[in-house]
Amino acid sequence: MKSVEDLDVFKKSHLMVLRIYELTKRFPVDERYGLISQIRRAAYSIPSNLMEGSNRLGSKEYRQFVGIARGSAAELKYQLLLSKDLGYVPAEKYNEIEKEILEISVC
């Protein structure tokens, strides 16, 4: 079996986490413990759960962690929508990341 790090979904989600960190650096300072923290946590939860699930013994457990990763992707999508509506994320950047989230979610 391939290492999870070789899977496209893992690579894409890792790159998205890096972009999310760059994006949230521009958020207002008062969001440090609010949206910034929540968005970053939801973003890195995706590849983290893929990695953890891949190291479990059974396929049932792996599927459970994939499900958690998908849930984190949905959470991230909403948090970015809220950030866009609050004026923290430009619509163009939101659309780019939303597309990435969709690609990751269907893998």
N, C-alpha and C. Protein backbone atom coordinates (compact mmCIF):
# COMPACT_ATOMS: atom_id res chain seq x y z
N MET A 1 0.84 -1.19 0.00
CA MET A 1 0.00 0.00 0.00
C MET A 1 0.88 1.25 0.00
N LYS A 2 0.45 2.26 -0.73
CA LYS A 2 1.16 3.54 -0.77
C LYS A 2 1.16 4.20 0.61
N SER A 3 2.18 4.98 0.85
CA SER A 3 2.18 5.81 2.04
C SER A 3 1.14 6.91 1.84
N VAL A 4 0.49 7.31 2.92
CA VAL A 4 -0.52 8.36 2.81
C VAL A 4 0.09 9.64 2.24
N GLU A 5 1.36 9.86 2.50
CA GLU A 5 2.03 11.07 2.01
C GLU A 5 2.17 11.07 0.49
N ASP A 6 2.01 9.92 -0.13
CA ASP A 6 2.08 9.83 -1.59
C ASP A 6 0.73 10.06 -2.26
N LEU A 7 -0.33 10.08 -1.49
CA LEU A 7 -1.67 10.25 -2.05
C LEU A 7 -1.93 11.71 -2.41
N ASP A 8 -2.60 11.92 -3.54
CA ASP A 8 -2.91 13.28 -3.99
C ASP A 8 -3.72 14.05 -2.96
N VAL A 9 -4.68 13.38 -2.33
CA VAL A 9 -5.53 14.06 -1.36
C VAL A 9 -4.69 14.57 -0.18
N PHE A 10 -3.70 13.82 0.24
CA PHE A 10 -2.84 14.28 1.33
C PHE A 10 -1.99 15.46 0.87
N LYS A 11 -1.39 15.33 -0.30
CA LYS A 11 -0.54 16.41 -0.82
C LYS A 11 -1.34 17.71 -0.98
N LYS A 12 -2.54 17.59 -1.56
CA LYS A 12 -3.38 18.78 -1.77
C LYS A 12 -3.80 19.40 -0.44
N SER A 13 -4.16 18.56 0.51
CA SER A 13 -4.60 19.10 1.80
C SER A 13 -3.44 19.75 2.55
N HIS A 14 -2.25 19.19 2.43
CA HIS A 14 -1.08 19.80 3.08
C HIS A 14 -0.78 21.17 2.47
N LEU A 15 -0.81 21.26 1.15
CA LEU A 15 -0.58 22.55 0.49
C LEU A 15 -1.65 23.56 0.87
N MET A 16 -2.88 23.09 1.01
CA MET A 16 -3.96 23.99 1.41
C MET A 16 -3.71 24.53 2.81
N VAL A 17 -3.22 23.69 3.71
CA VAL A 17 -2.91 24.15 5.07
C VAL A 17 -1.89 25.28 5.02
N LEU A 18 -0.86 25.12 4.21
CA LEU A 18 0.16 26.17 4.09
C LEU A 18 -0.46 27.47 3.58
N ARG A 19 -1.36 27.37 2.60
CA ARG A 19 -2.04 28.57 2.07
C ARG A 19 -2.95 29.20 3.13
N ILE A 20 -3.61 28.36 3.91
CA ILE A 20 -4.49 28.87 4.97
C ILE A 20 -3.68 29.65 6.00
N TYR A 21 -2.51 29.15 6.36
CA TYR A 21 -1.67 29.87 7.32
C TYR A 21 -1.27 31.23 6.77
N GLU A 22 -0.91 31.29 5.50
CA GLU A 22 -0.56 32.57 4.88
C GLU A 22 -1.76 33.51 4.86
N LEU A 23 -2.90 32.99 4.48
CA LEU A 23 -4.12 33.80 4.38
C LEU A 23 -4.51 34.38 5.74
N THR A 24 -4.46 33.58 6.78
CA THR A 24 -4.92 34.03 8.09
C THR A 24 -3.93 34.99 8.77
N LYS A 25 -2.72 35.09 8.26
CA LYS A 25 -1.77 36.08 8.79
C LYS A 25 -2.30 37.49 8.61
N ARG A 26 -3.18 37.68 7.63
CA ARG A 26 -3.71 39.01 7.30
C ARG A 26 -4.99 39.34 8.06
N PHE A 27 -5.49 38.42 8.86
CA PHE A 27 -6.72 38.65 9.62
C PHE A 27 -6.45 39.66 10.74
N PRO A 28 -7.49 40.31 11.24
CA PRO A 28 -7.31 41.23 12.37
C PRO A 28 -6.75 40.49 13.59
N VAL A 29 -5.94 41.18 14.34
CA VAL A 29 -5.29 40.60 15.52
C VAL A 29 -6.32 40.08 16.52
N ASP A 30 -7.45 40.76 16.63
CA ASP A 30 -8.45 40.32 17.60
C ASP A 30 -9.11 38.99 17.23
N GLU A 31 -8.83 38.46 16.05
CA GLU A 31 -9.34 37.14 15.65
C GLU A 31 -8.33 36.02 15.94
N ARG A 32 -7.21 36.36 16.57
CA ARG A 32 -6.16 35.37 16.83
C ARG A 32 -6.70 34.13 17.55
N TYR A 33 -7.53 34.34 18.56
CA TYR A 33 -8.05 33.21 19.34
C TYR A 33 -9.45 32.81 18.91
N GLY A 34 -9.94 33.45 17.86
CA GLY A 34 -11.26 33.13 17.32
C GLY A 34 -11.12 32.44 15.98
N LEU A 35 -11.45 33.16 14.93
CA LEU A 35 -11.45 32.57 13.59
C LEU A 35 -10.09 32.05 13.15
N ILE A 36 -9.03 32.77 13.43
CA ILE A 36 -7.70 32.31 12.99
C ILE A 36 -7.42 30.92 13.56
N SER A 37 -7.61 30.79 14.85
CA SER A 37 -7.36 29.50 15.51
C SER A 37 -8.27 28.41 14.96
N GLN A 38 -9.55 28.70 14.82
CA GLN A 38 -10.51 27.71 14.34
C GLN A 38 -10.23 27.29 12.90
N ILE A 39 -9.93 28.26 12.05
CA ILE A 39 -9.66 27.96 10.64
C ILE A 39 -8.40 27.11 10.51
N ARG A 40 -7.37 27.50 11.20
CA ARG A 40 -6.12 26.73 11.12
C ARG A 40 -6.32 25.32 11.65
N ARG A 41 -7.03 25.19 12.75
CA ARG A 41 -7.27 23.87 13.33
C ARG A 41 -8.07 22.98 12.38
N ALA A 42 -9.12 23.53 11.78
CA ALA A 42 -9.92 22.75 10.83
C ALA A 42 -9.08 22.35 9.63
N ALA A 43 -8.23 23.27 9.16
CA ALA A 43 -7.40 22.99 7.98
C ALA A 43 -6.40 21.88 8.26
N TYR A 44 -5.65 21.99 9.35
CA TYR A 44 -4.63 20.96 9.58
C TYR A 44 -5.22 19.66 10.10
N SER A 45 -6.46 19.70 10.52
CA SER A 45 -7.14 18.47 10.92
C SER A 45 -7.33 17.52 9.73
N ILE A 46 -7.45 18.07 8.53
CA ILE A 46 -7.69 17.23 7.35
C ILE A 46 -6.51 16.30 7.09
N PRO A 47 -5.30 16.81 6.82
CA PRO A 47 -4.19 15.88 6.60
C PRO A 47 -3.80 15.11 7.86
N SER A 48 -4.01 15.70 9.02
CA SER A 48 -3.68 15.00 10.27
C SER A 48 -4.52 13.75 10.43
N ASN A 49 -5.81 13.85 10.15
CA ASN A 49 -6.68 12.68 10.28
C ASN A 49 -6.40 11.65 9.20
N LEU A 50 -6.04 12.10 8.01
CA LEU A 50 -5.66 11.15 6.96
C LEU A 50 -4.41 10.38 7.39
N MET A 51 -3.45 11.08 7.96
CA MET A 51 -2.22 10.45 8.42
C MET A 51 -2.50 9.48 9.57
N GLU A 52 -3.27 9.94 10.54
CA GLU A 52 -3.57 9.08 11.68
C GLU A 52 -4.36 7.84 11.25
N GLY A 53 -5.36 8.04 10.42
CA GLY A 53 -6.17 6.92 9.95
C GLY A 53 -5.37 5.89 9.18
N SER A 54 -4.40 6.37 8.41
CA SER A 54 -3.60 5.45 7.60
C SER A 54 -2.71 4.56 8.46
N ASN A 55 -2.49 4.97 9.69
CA ASN A 55 -1.64 4.18 10.59
C ASN A 55 -2.44 3.31 11.55
N ARG A 56 -3.73 3.26 11.34
CA ARG A 56 -4.58 2.36 12.12
C ARG A 56 -4.56 0.99 11.47
N LEU A 57 -4.94 0.00 12.21
CA LEU A 57 -4.83 -1.38 11.73
C LEU A 57 -5.93 -1.80 10.77
N GLY A 58 -7.13 -1.32 10.96
CA GLY A 58 -8.23 -1.80 10.12
C GLY A 58 -8.77 -0.75 9.17
N SER A 59 -9.40 -1.22 8.11
CA SER A 59 -9.96 -0.30 7.13
C SER A 59 -11.17 0.44 7.70
N LYS A 60 -11.88 -0.17 8.66
CA LYS A 60 -13.01 0.50 9.30
C LYS A 60 -12.53 1.74 10.05
N GLU A 61 -11.43 1.59 10.76
CA GLU A 61 -10.86 2.74 11.49
C GLU A 61 -10.38 3.80 10.51
N TYR A 62 -9.75 3.37 9.43
CA TYR A 62 -9.27 4.33 8.43
C TYR A 62 -10.44 5.13 7.88
N ARG A 63 -11.53 4.45 7.55
CA ARG A 63 -12.71 5.15 7.01
C ARG A 63 -13.27 6.15 8.02
N GLN A 64 -13.20 5.80 9.29
CA GLN A 64 -13.67 6.71 10.33
C GLN A 64 -12.85 8.00 10.31
N PHE A 65 -11.55 7.89 10.17
CA PHE A 65 -10.70 9.07 10.15
C PHE A 65 -10.87 9.87 8.86
N VAL A 66 -11.14 9.19 7.76
CA VAL A 66 -11.45 9.90 6.51
C VAL A 66 -12.73 10.70 6.70
N GLY A 67 -13.70 10.13 7.39
CA GLY A 67 -14.94 10.84 7.68
C GLY A 67 -14.71 12.07 8.54
N ILE A 68 -13.83 11.96 9.51
CA ILE A 68 -13.49 13.11 10.35
C ILE A 68 -12.82 14.18 9.51
N ALA A 69 -11.93 13.78 8.61
CA ALA A 69 -11.26 14.74 7.72
C ALA A 69 -12.28 15.47 6.85
N ARG A 70 -13.26 14.74 6.34
CA ARG A 70 -14.32 15.39 5.54
C ARG A 70 -15.13 16.37 6.38
N GLY A 71 -15.40 16.00 7.61
CA GLY A 71 -16.11 16.91 8.50
C GLY A 71 -15.31 18.18 8.75
N SER A 72 -14.02 18.05 8.91
CA SER A 72 -13.16 19.22 9.09
C SER A 72 -13.16 20.09 7.84
N ALA A 73 -13.22 19.47 6.68
CA ALA A 73 -13.28 20.23 5.43
C ALA A 73 -14.57 21.05 5.36
N ALA A 74 -15.69 20.46 5.80
CA ALA A 74 -16.96 21.19 5.81
C ALA A 74 -16.91 22.35 6.80
N GLU A 75 -16.32 22.10 7.96
CA GLU A 75 -16.15 23.15 8.97
C GLU A 75 -15.31 24.29 8.41
N LEU A 76 -14.22 23.95 7.76
CA LEU A 76 -13.33 24.95 7.17
C LEU A 76 -14.06 25.77 6.12
N LYS A 77 -14.87 25.12 5.31
CA LYS A 77 -15.61 25.83 4.27
C LYS A 77 -16.50 26.91 4.89
N TYR A 78 -17.22 26.57 5.96
CA TYR A 78 -18.07 27.57 6.59
C TYR A 78 -17.25 28.70 7.21
N GLN A 79 -16.18 28.36 7.88
CA GLN A 79 -15.37 29.39 8.53
C GLN A 79 -14.79 30.36 7.51
N LEU A 80 -14.43 29.86 6.35
CA LEU A 80 -13.93 30.74 5.29
C LEU A 80 -15.05 31.59 4.70
N LEU A 81 -16.25 31.02 4.58
CA LEU A 81 -17.40 31.80 4.12
C LEU A 81 -17.67 32.96 5.08
N LEU A 82 -17.67 32.67 6.36
CA LEU A 82 -17.85 33.71 7.37
C LEU A 82 -16.75 34.76 7.26
N SER A 83 -15.52 34.32 7.09
CA SER A 83 -14.39 35.24 6.96
C SER A 83 -14.54 36.13 5.73
N LYS A 84 -15.03 35.55 4.65
CA LYS A 84 -15.27 36.34 3.43
C LYS A 84 -16.34 37.38 3.69
N ASP A 85 -17.43 36.96 4.32
CA ASP A 85 -18.53 37.89 4.58
C ASP A 85 -18.16 38.98 5.58
N LEU A 86 -17.18 38.70 6.43
CA LEU A 86 -16.69 39.72 7.37
C LEU A 86 -15.64 40.63 6.73
N GLY A 87 -15.26 40.32 5.50
CA GLY A 87 -14.29 41.15 4.79
C GLY A 87 -12.85 40.77 5.03
N TYR A 88 -12.59 39.61 5.62
CA TYR A 88 -11.23 39.18 5.90
C TYR A 88 -10.60 38.43 4.74
N VAL A 89 -11.43 37.83 3.89
CA VAL A 89 -10.95 37.03 2.76
C VAL A 89 -11.57 37.57 1.48
N PRO A 90 -10.75 37.94 0.49
CA PRO A 90 -11.31 38.39 -0.78
C PRO A 90 -12.11 37.27 -1.45
N ALA A 91 -13.17 37.63 -2.16
CA ALA A 91 -14.04 36.64 -2.81
C ALA A 91 -13.25 35.72 -3.73
N GLU A 92 -12.30 36.27 -4.46
CA GLU A 92 -11.50 35.45 -5.38
C GLU A 92 -10.72 34.37 -4.63
N LYS A 93 -10.10 34.76 -3.52
CA LYS A 93 -9.33 33.80 -2.72
C LYS A 93 -10.26 32.76 -2.10
N TYR A 94 -11.43 33.21 -1.65
CA TYR A 94 -12.41 32.27 -1.10
C TYR A 94 -12.80 31.24 -2.14
N ASN A 95 -13.08 31.68 -3.35
CA ASN A 95 -13.48 30.76 -4.43
C ASN A 95 -12.38 29.75 -4.74
N GLU A 96 -11.13 30.19 -4.72
CA GLU A 96 -10.01 29.28 -4.97
C GLU A 96 -9.94 28.19 -3.90
N ILE A 97 -10.02 28.62 -2.65
CA ILE A 97 -9.89 27.66 -1.56
C ILE A 97 -11.12 26.76 -1.47
N GLU A 98 -12.29 27.32 -1.75
CA GLU A 98 -13.51 26.50 -1.75
C GLU A 98 -13.38 25.37 -2.77
N LYS A 99 -12.81 25.68 -3.93
CA LYS A 99 -12.59 24.66 -4.96
C LYS A 99 -11.63 23.58 -4.45
N GLU A 100 -10.57 24.00 -3.77
CA GLU A 100 -9.62 23.04 -3.20
C GLU A 100 -10.30 22.13 -2.18
N ILE A 101 -11.14 22.73 -1.34
CA ILE A 101 -11.85 21.95 -0.32
C ILE A 101 -12.74 20.91 -0.99
N LEU A 102 -13.43 21.30 -2.04
CA LEU A 102 -14.29 20.37 -2.76
C LEU A 102 -13.47 19.22 -3.35
N GLU A 103 -12.33 19.54 -3.96
CA GLU A 103 -11.47 18.51 -4.53
C GLU A 103 -10.99 17.53 -3.46
N ILE A 104 -10.64 18.05 -2.32
CA ILE A 104 -10.15 17.21 -1.23
C ILE A 104 -11.29 16.36 -0.67
N SER A 105 -12.47 16.93 -0.57
CA SER A 105 -13.61 16.23 0.03
C SER A 105 -14.11 15.06 -0.79
N VAL A 106 -13.92 15.10 -2.09
CA VAL A 106 -14.45 14.02 -2.93
C VAL A 106 -13.44 12.89 -3.12
N CYS A 107 -12.23 13.06 -2.62
CA CYS A 107 -11.21 12.00 -2.77
C CYS A 107 -11.46 10.86 -1.83
